[in-house]
Amino acid sequence: MLTLLGTLKDSGYLLGIASSKPEHLIYDVANYLDITKYFDAVVGVKTDNSNHSSKTSLILEAMEKLGAKDKSQVLMVGDRHYDITGAKGAGVSSCGCLWGYGNKQEFLDCGADFVVSDPLEILKLIN
């Protein structure tokens, strides 16, 4: 995963996190893993729950922070069906990753555009 993040960042891609977890916990984990430096936007649920109407809204908020206006240039990578359906709601492509909690059938059932089993496969999708 670190190779993927580093390669994408070095290639000029903007990276964001859109998670249904509390934003402060996302930062705690990202800082612990020393990956915060790779991300240009981090969006999670605010402590007052003011921005948690749906996964779609979190993705759209991350896109806004990134300045991502061309939806055809956005790929949401996630490990559960919530990520895929959120991406569909936001009008962006989706990729289910098999190194998380979801499985291939879950991603196929909810209409993922892509399913990958290795992080470096994402490089092939975007190139």
N, C-alpha and C. Protein backbone atom coordinates (compact mmCIF):
# COMPACT_ATOMS: atom_id res chain seq x y z
N MET A 1 0.82 -1.19 0.00
CA MET A 1 0.00 0.00 0.00
C MET A 1 0.87 1.26 0.00
N LEU A 2 1.96 1.22 0.74
CA LEU A 2 2.84 2.39 0.78
C LEU A 2 3.44 2.67 -0.59
N THR A 3 3.77 1.61 -1.33
CA THR A 3 4.30 1.80 -2.68
C THR A 3 3.26 2.48 -3.56
N LEU A 4 2.02 2.03 -3.47
CA LEU A 4 0.94 2.64 -4.26
C LEU A 4 0.77 4.11 -3.89
N LEU A 5 0.65 4.40 -2.61
CA LEU A 5 0.45 5.79 -2.18
C LEU A 5 1.60 6.68 -2.62
N GLY A 6 2.83 6.20 -2.45
CA GLY A 6 3.99 6.99 -2.85
C GLY A 6 4.04 7.22 -4.35
N THR A 7 3.75 6.19 -5.12
CA THR A 7 3.76 6.31 -6.58
C THR A 7 2.70 7.29 -7.05
N LEU A 8 1.49 7.18 -6.50
CA LEU A 8 0.42 8.09 -6.90
C LEU A 8 0.77 9.53 -6.54
N LYS A 9 1.25 9.74 -5.34
CA LYS A 9 1.60 11.09 -4.90
C LYS A 9 2.72 11.66 -5.76
N ASP A 10 3.76 10.85 -6.00
CA ASP A 10 4.88 11.31 -6.82
C ASP A 10 4.47 11.60 -8.26
N SER A 11 3.40 10.94 -8.72
CA SER A 11 2.90 11.15 -10.09
C SER A 11 1.96 12.34 -10.19
N GLY A 12 1.70 12.99 -9.06
CA GLY A 12 0.87 14.20 -9.08
C GLY A 12 -0.61 13.98 -8.84
N TYR A 13 -1.01 12.77 -8.50
CA TYR A 13 -2.42 12.53 -8.20
C TYR A 13 -2.78 13.14 -6.85
N LEU A 14 -3.99 13.64 -6.76
CA LEU A 14 -4.52 14.12 -5.49
C LEU A 14 -5.25 12.97 -4.83
N LEU A 15 -4.97 12.73 -3.57
CA LEU A 15 -5.54 11.61 -2.84
C LEU A 15 -6.36 12.10 -1.67
N GLY A 16 -7.48 11.45 -1.45
CA GLY A 16 -8.33 11.82 -0.33
C GLY A 16 -8.87 10.60 0.38
N ILE A 17 -9.28 10.81 1.59
CA ILE A 17 -9.97 9.79 2.38
C ILE A 17 -11.38 10.29 2.61
N ALA A 18 -12.36 9.44 2.33
CA ALA A 18 -13.76 9.72 2.64
C ALA A 18 -14.26 8.53 3.44
N SER A 19 -14.38 8.71 4.74
CA SER A 19 -14.71 7.59 5.62
C SER A 19 -15.90 7.93 6.51
N SER A 20 -16.66 6.90 6.83
CA SER A 20 -17.79 7.07 7.75
C SER A 20 -17.35 7.02 9.21
N LYS A 21 -16.07 6.93 9.41
CA LYS A 21 -15.55 6.94 10.78
C LYS A 21 -15.35 8.38 11.24
N PRO A 22 -15.31 8.60 12.54
CA PRO A 22 -15.06 9.96 13.03
C PRO A 22 -13.73 10.50 12.51
N GLU A 23 -13.74 11.74 12.07
CA GLU A 23 -12.57 12.34 11.44
C GLU A 23 -11.33 12.31 12.34
N HIS A 24 -11.53 12.55 13.62
CA HIS A 24 -10.36 12.55 14.51
C HIS A 24 -9.72 11.16 14.59
N LEU A 25 -10.52 10.10 14.48
CA LEU A 25 -9.96 8.74 14.49
C LEU A 25 -9.21 8.43 13.20
N ILE A 26 -9.70 8.96 12.09
CA ILE A 26 -9.00 8.78 10.81
C ILE A 26 -7.60 9.36 10.92
N TYR A 27 -7.51 10.57 11.46
CA TYR A 27 -6.20 11.20 11.63
C TYR A 27 -5.33 10.42 12.60
N ASP A 28 -5.93 9.92 13.68
CA ASP A 28 -5.15 9.12 14.64
C ASP A 28 -4.51 7.91 13.95
N VAL A 29 -5.31 7.18 13.17
CA VAL A 29 -4.80 5.98 12.49
C VAL A 29 -3.80 6.36 11.41
N ALA A 30 -4.13 7.36 10.60
CA ALA A 30 -3.23 7.78 9.51
C ALA A 30 -1.90 8.28 10.08
N ASN A 31 -1.94 9.02 11.17
CA ASN A 31 -0.70 9.48 11.79
C ASN A 31 0.10 8.31 12.35
N TYR A 32 -0.58 7.38 12.98
CA TYR A 32 0.08 6.20 13.53
C TYR A 32 0.78 5.39 12.43
N LEU A 33 0.11 5.26 11.28
CA LEU A 33 0.66 4.52 10.15
C LEU A 33 1.63 5.35 9.31
N ASP A 34 1.77 6.62 9.67
CA ASP A 34 2.64 7.56 8.96
C ASP A 34 2.26 7.69 7.48
N ILE A 35 0.95 7.79 7.22
CA ILE A 35 0.48 7.95 5.83
C ILE A 35 -0.26 9.26 5.60
N THR A 36 -0.40 10.07 6.63
CA THR A 36 -1.12 11.34 6.49
C THR A 36 -0.52 12.19 5.37
N LYS A 37 0.78 12.13 5.22
CA LYS A 37 1.50 12.94 4.23
C LYS A 37 1.07 12.66 2.79
N TYR A 38 0.45 11.52 2.55
CA TYR A 38 0.04 11.17 1.19
C TYR A 38 -1.30 11.78 0.79
N PHE A 39 -2.07 12.24 1.76
CA PHE A 39 -3.44 12.65 1.49
C PHE A 39 -3.61 14.16 1.48
N ASP A 40 -4.32 14.62 0.46
CA ASP A 40 -4.58 16.04 0.29
C ASP A 40 -5.89 16.47 0.94
N ALA A 41 -6.75 15.51 1.23
CA ALA A 41 -8.03 15.80 1.89
C ALA A 41 -8.42 14.59 2.73
N VAL A 42 -8.92 14.87 3.91
CA VAL A 42 -9.43 13.82 4.79
C VAL A 42 -10.81 14.25 5.24
N VAL A 43 -11.80 13.41 4.96
CA VAL A 43 -13.17 13.71 5.34
C VAL A 43 -13.73 12.52 6.11
N GLY A 44 -14.19 12.80 7.28
CA GLY A 44 -14.85 11.81 8.10
C GLY A 44 -16.02 12.47 8.79
N VAL A 45 -16.68 11.72 9.63
CA VAL A 45 -17.82 12.26 10.35
C VAL A 45 -17.33 13.25 11.40
N LYS A 46 -17.92 14.42 11.41
CA LYS A 46 -17.58 15.44 12.41
C LYS A 46 -18.12 15.01 13.77
N THR A 47 -17.53 15.51 14.81
CA THR A 47 -17.93 15.11 16.16
C THR A 47 -19.39 15.45 16.45
N ASP A 48 -19.90 16.47 15.77
CA ASP A 48 -21.31 16.83 15.99
C ASP A 48 -22.24 16.10 15.02
N ASN A 49 -21.67 15.20 14.19
CA ASN A 49 -22.44 14.39 13.23
C ASN A 49 -23.13 15.23 12.16
N SER A 50 -22.65 16.45 11.96
CA SER A 50 -23.32 17.38 11.05
C SER A 50 -23.17 17.02 9.58
N ASN A 51 -22.19 16.20 9.24
CA ASN A 51 -21.96 15.90 7.82
C ASN A 51 -22.16 14.43 7.50
N HIS A 52 -22.92 13.72 8.31
CA HIS A 52 -23.04 12.28 8.09
C HIS A 52 -24.43 11.89 7.59
N SER A 53 -24.80 12.45 6.46
CA SER A 53 -26.09 12.06 5.91
C SER A 53 -25.95 10.81 5.05
N SER A 54 -24.77 10.59 4.45
CA SER A 54 -24.55 9.40 3.63
C SER A 54 -23.08 9.31 3.24
N LYS A 55 -22.68 8.14 2.78
CA LYS A 55 -21.33 7.96 2.25
C LYS A 55 -21.14 8.84 1.02
N THR A 56 -22.20 8.96 0.22
CA THR A 56 -22.13 9.82 -0.95
C THR A 56 -21.76 11.24 -0.56
N SER A 57 -22.38 11.77 0.48
CA SER A 57 -22.09 13.15 0.88
C SER A 57 -20.64 13.30 1.35
N LEU A 58 -20.09 12.26 1.99
CA LEU A 58 -18.70 12.32 2.42
C LEU A 58 -17.75 12.30 1.22
N ILE A 59 -18.08 11.50 0.22
CA ILE A 59 -17.27 11.46 -1.00
C ILE A 59 -17.33 12.80 -1.71
N LEU A 60 -18.51 13.37 -1.83
CA LEU A 60 -18.66 14.67 -2.48
C LEU A 60 -17.91 15.75 -1.72
N GLU A 61 -17.92 15.70 -0.40
CA GLU A 61 -17.18 16.67 0.41
C GLU A 61 -15.67 16.53 0.16
N ALA A 62 -15.19 15.30 0.10
CA ALA A 62 -13.76 15.07 -0.18
C ALA A 62 -13.41 15.60 -1.58
N MET A 63 -14.28 15.34 -2.55
CA MET A 63 -14.04 15.83 -3.91
C MET A 63 -13.97 17.35 -3.93
N GLU A 64 -14.84 17.99 -3.18
CA GLU A 64 -14.84 19.45 -3.11
C GLU A 64 -13.52 19.95 -2.52
N LYS A 65 -13.08 19.32 -1.44
CA LYS A 65 -11.82 19.71 -0.83
C LYS A 65 -10.64 19.52 -1.78
N LEU A 66 -10.72 18.50 -2.62
CA LEU A 66 -9.65 18.22 -3.58
C LEU A 66 -9.75 19.09 -4.83
N GLY A 67 -10.88 19.75 -5.00
CA GLY A 67 -11.10 20.52 -6.21
C GLY A 67 -11.39 19.64 -7.41
N ALA A 68 -11.91 18.45 -7.15
CA ALA A 68 -12.19 17.47 -8.21
C ALA A 68 -13.54 17.77 -8.84
N LYS A 69 -13.52 18.44 -9.98
CA LYS A 69 -14.75 18.81 -10.66
C LYS A 69 -15.12 17.82 -11.76
N ASP A 70 -14.12 17.20 -12.37
CA ASP A 70 -14.36 16.24 -13.45
C ASP A 70 -14.52 14.85 -12.83
N LYS A 71 -15.75 14.43 -12.70
CA LYS A 71 -16.03 13.15 -12.03
C LYS A 71 -15.43 11.96 -12.77
N SER A 72 -15.18 12.12 -14.06
CA SER A 72 -14.58 11.01 -14.81
C SER A 72 -13.13 10.77 -14.40
N GLN A 73 -12.56 11.69 -13.64
CA GLN A 73 -11.17 11.58 -13.19
C GLN A 73 -11.06 11.12 -11.74
N VAL A 74 -12.18 10.67 -11.16
CA VAL A 74 -12.20 10.27 -9.75
C VAL A 74 -12.44 8.77 -9.65
N LEU A 75 -11.69 8.13 -8.77
CA LEU A 75 -11.87 6.71 -8.48
C LEU A 75 -11.97 6.55 -6.97
N MET A 76 -13.10 6.02 -6.52
CA MET A 76 -13.28 5.71 -5.11
C MET A 76 -12.85 4.28 -4.89
N VAL A 77 -11.88 4.07 -4.02
CA VAL A 77 -11.41 2.73 -3.68
C VAL A 77 -11.89 2.44 -2.26
N GLY A 78 -12.58 1.33 -2.10
CA GLY A 78 -13.09 1.00 -0.78
C GLY A 78 -13.16 -0.49 -0.54
N ASP A 79 -13.41 -0.84 0.72
CA ASP A 79 -13.42 -2.26 1.08
C ASP A 79 -14.78 -2.78 1.51
N ARG A 80 -15.83 -2.00 1.28
CA ARG A 80 -17.18 -2.46 1.59
C ARG A 80 -18.16 -1.91 0.57
N HIS A 81 -19.34 -2.49 0.55
CA HIS A 81 -20.37 -2.07 -0.41
C HIS A 81 -20.79 -0.62 -0.20
N TYR A 82 -20.65 -0.11 1.02
CA TYR A 82 -21.00 1.30 1.28
C TYR A 82 -20.15 2.23 0.41
N ASP A 83 -18.89 1.87 0.23
CA ASP A 83 -18.00 2.69 -0.58
C ASP A 83 -18.42 2.69 -2.04
N ILE A 84 -18.84 1.54 -2.51
CA ILE A 84 -19.24 1.40 -3.91
C ILE A 84 -20.56 2.14 -4.16
N THR A 85 -21.53 1.94 -3.29
CA THR A 85 -22.81 2.64 -3.48
C THR A 85 -22.65 4.15 -3.27
N GLY A 86 -21.76 4.54 -2.38
CA GLY A 86 -21.48 5.97 -2.20
C GLY A 86 -20.87 6.57 -3.45
N ALA A 87 -19.96 5.84 -4.07
CA ALA A 87 -19.35 6.31 -5.31
C ALA A 87 -20.39 6.43 -6.41
N LYS A 88 -21.26 5.45 -6.51
CA LYS A 88 -22.33 5.51 -7.52
C LYS A 88 -23.20 6.74 -7.30
N GLY A 89 -23.55 7.00 -6.05
CA GLY A 89 -24.35 8.18 -5.72
C GLY A 89 -23.65 9.48 -6.07
N ALA A 90 -22.32 9.48 -5.96
CA ALA A 90 -21.54 10.68 -6.29
C ALA A 90 -21.24 10.78 -7.77
N GLY A 91 -21.55 9.72 -8.51
CA GLY A 91 -21.33 9.74 -9.96
C GLY A 91 -19.88 9.50 -10.36
N VAL A 92 -19.14 8.74 -9.52
CA VAL A 92 -17.74 8.47 -9.83
C VAL A 92 -17.51 6.96 -9.93
N SER A 93 -16.40 6.59 -10.54
CA SER A 93 -16.04 5.17 -10.66
C SER A 93 -15.69 4.60 -9.29
N SER A 94 -15.86 3.28 -9.20
CA SER A 94 -15.62 2.62 -7.91
C SER A 94 -14.76 1.39 -8.10
N CYS A 95 -13.98 1.10 -7.06
CA CYS A 95 -13.10 -0.07 -7.07
C CYS A 95 -13.16 -0.73 -5.70
N GLY A 96 -13.57 -1.98 -5.68
CA GLY A 96 -13.57 -2.75 -4.44
C GLY A 96 -12.21 -3.39 -4.24
N CYS A 97 -11.67 -3.25 -3.04
CA CYS A 97 -10.36 -3.86 -2.76
C CYS A 97 -10.55 -5.06 -1.83
N LEU A 98 -9.91 -6.15 -2.19
CA LEU A 98 -10.10 -7.41 -1.48
C LEU A 98 -9.18 -7.59 -0.29
N TRP A 99 -8.39 -6.59 0.06
CA TRP A 99 -7.53 -6.71 1.24
C TRP A 99 -8.16 -6.06 2.47
N GLY A 100 -9.43 -5.73 2.37
CA GLY A 100 -10.15 -5.15 3.50
C GLY A 100 -11.21 -6.12 4.00
N TYR A 101 -12.39 -5.58 4.28
CA TYR A 101 -13.46 -6.38 4.89
C TYR A 101 -14.42 -7.00 3.88
N GLY A 102 -14.55 -6.41 2.72
CA GLY A 102 -15.51 -6.91 1.73
C GLY A 102 -14.96 -8.10 0.96
N ASN A 103 -15.83 -8.69 0.15
CA ASN A 103 -15.42 -9.80 -0.69
C ASN A 103 -15.89 -9.55 -2.12
N LYS A 104 -15.38 -10.34 -3.03
CA LYS A 104 -15.65 -10.12 -4.45
C LYS A 104 -17.14 -10.13 -4.76
N GLN A 105 -17.88 -11.07 -4.20
CA GLN A 105 -19.31 -11.15 -4.49
C GLN A 105 -20.05 -9.90 -4.01
N GLU A 106 -19.68 -9.40 -2.85
CA GLU A 106 -20.28 -8.17 -2.33
C GLU A 106 -20.09 -7.03 -3.33
N PHE A 107 -18.88 -6.92 -3.86
CA PHE A 107 -18.60 -5.83 -4.81
C PHE A 107 -19.32 -6.03 -6.13
N LEU A 108 -19.38 -7.25 -6.60
CA LEU A 108 -20.10 -7.52 -7.84
C LEU A 108 -21.59 -7.27 -7.67
N ASP A 109 -22.14 -7.68 -6.52
CA ASP A 109 -23.57 -7.48 -6.27
C ASP A 109 -23.97 -6.01 -6.24
N CYS A 110 -23.09 -5.14 -5.79
CA CYS A 110 -23.45 -3.72 -5.71
C CYS A 110 -22.95 -2.93 -6.91
N GLY A 111 -22.37 -3.61 -7.89
CA GLY A 111 -22.03 -2.96 -9.15
C GLY A 111 -20.70 -2.23 -9.18
N ALA A 112 -19.70 -2.71 -8.46
CA ALA A 112 -18.38 -2.08 -8.52
C ALA A 112 -17.87 -2.08 -9.96
N ASP A 113 -17.24 -1.00 -10.35
CA ASP A 113 -16.67 -0.91 -11.69
C ASP A 113 -15.44 -1.81 -11.82
N PHE A 114 -14.70 -1.95 -10.73
CA PHE A 114 -13.49 -2.76 -10.70
C PHE A 114 -13.40 -3.47 -9.36
N VAL A 115 -12.70 -4.59 -9.34
CA VAL A 115 -12.37 -5.29 -8.10
C VAL A 115 -10.91 -5.70 -8.22
N VAL A 116 -10.11 -5.36 -7.21
CA VAL A 116 -8.68 -5.68 -7.24
C VAL A 116 -8.28 -6.43 -5.98
N SER A 117 -7.27 -7.27 -6.13
CA SER A 117 -6.79 -8.04 -4.99
C SER A 117 -5.44 -7.57 -4.49
N ASP A 118 -4.82 -6.65 -5.21
CA ASP A 118 -3.51 -6.13 -4.82
C ASP A 118 -3.50 -4.61 -5.06
N PRO A 119 -2.96 -3.84 -4.12
CA PRO A 119 -2.97 -2.39 -4.29
C PRO A 119 -2.35 -1.90 -5.61
N LEU A 120 -1.31 -2.56 -6.07
CA LEU A 120 -0.65 -2.10 -7.29
C LEU A 120 -1.51 -2.29 -8.54
N GLU A 121 -2.55 -3.10 -8.46
CA GLU A 121 -3.49 -3.23 -9.59
C GLU A 121 -4.19 -1.91 -9.86
N ILE A 122 -4.28 -1.06 -8.85
CA ILE A 122 -4.93 0.24 -9.02
C ILE A 122 -4.14 1.10 -10.01
N LEU A 123 -2.82 0.97 -9.99
CA LEU A 123 -2.00 1.71 -10.95
C LEU A 123 -2.36 1.35 -12.37
N LYS A 124 -2.62 0.08 -12.62
CA LYS A 124 -3.02 -0.36 -13.96
C LYS A 124 -4.37 0.24 -14.36
N LEU A 125 -5.27 0.37 -13.40
CA LEU A 125 -6.60 0.93 -13.70
C LEU A 125 -6.52 2.39 -14.12
N ILE A 126 -5.66 3.14 -13.49
CA ILE A 126 -5.65 4.58 -13.74
C ILE A 126 -4.69 5.00 -14.85
N ASN A 127 -3.85 4.08 -15.27
CA ASN A 127 -2.89 4.41 -16.35
C ASN A 127 -3.40 3.93 -17.70
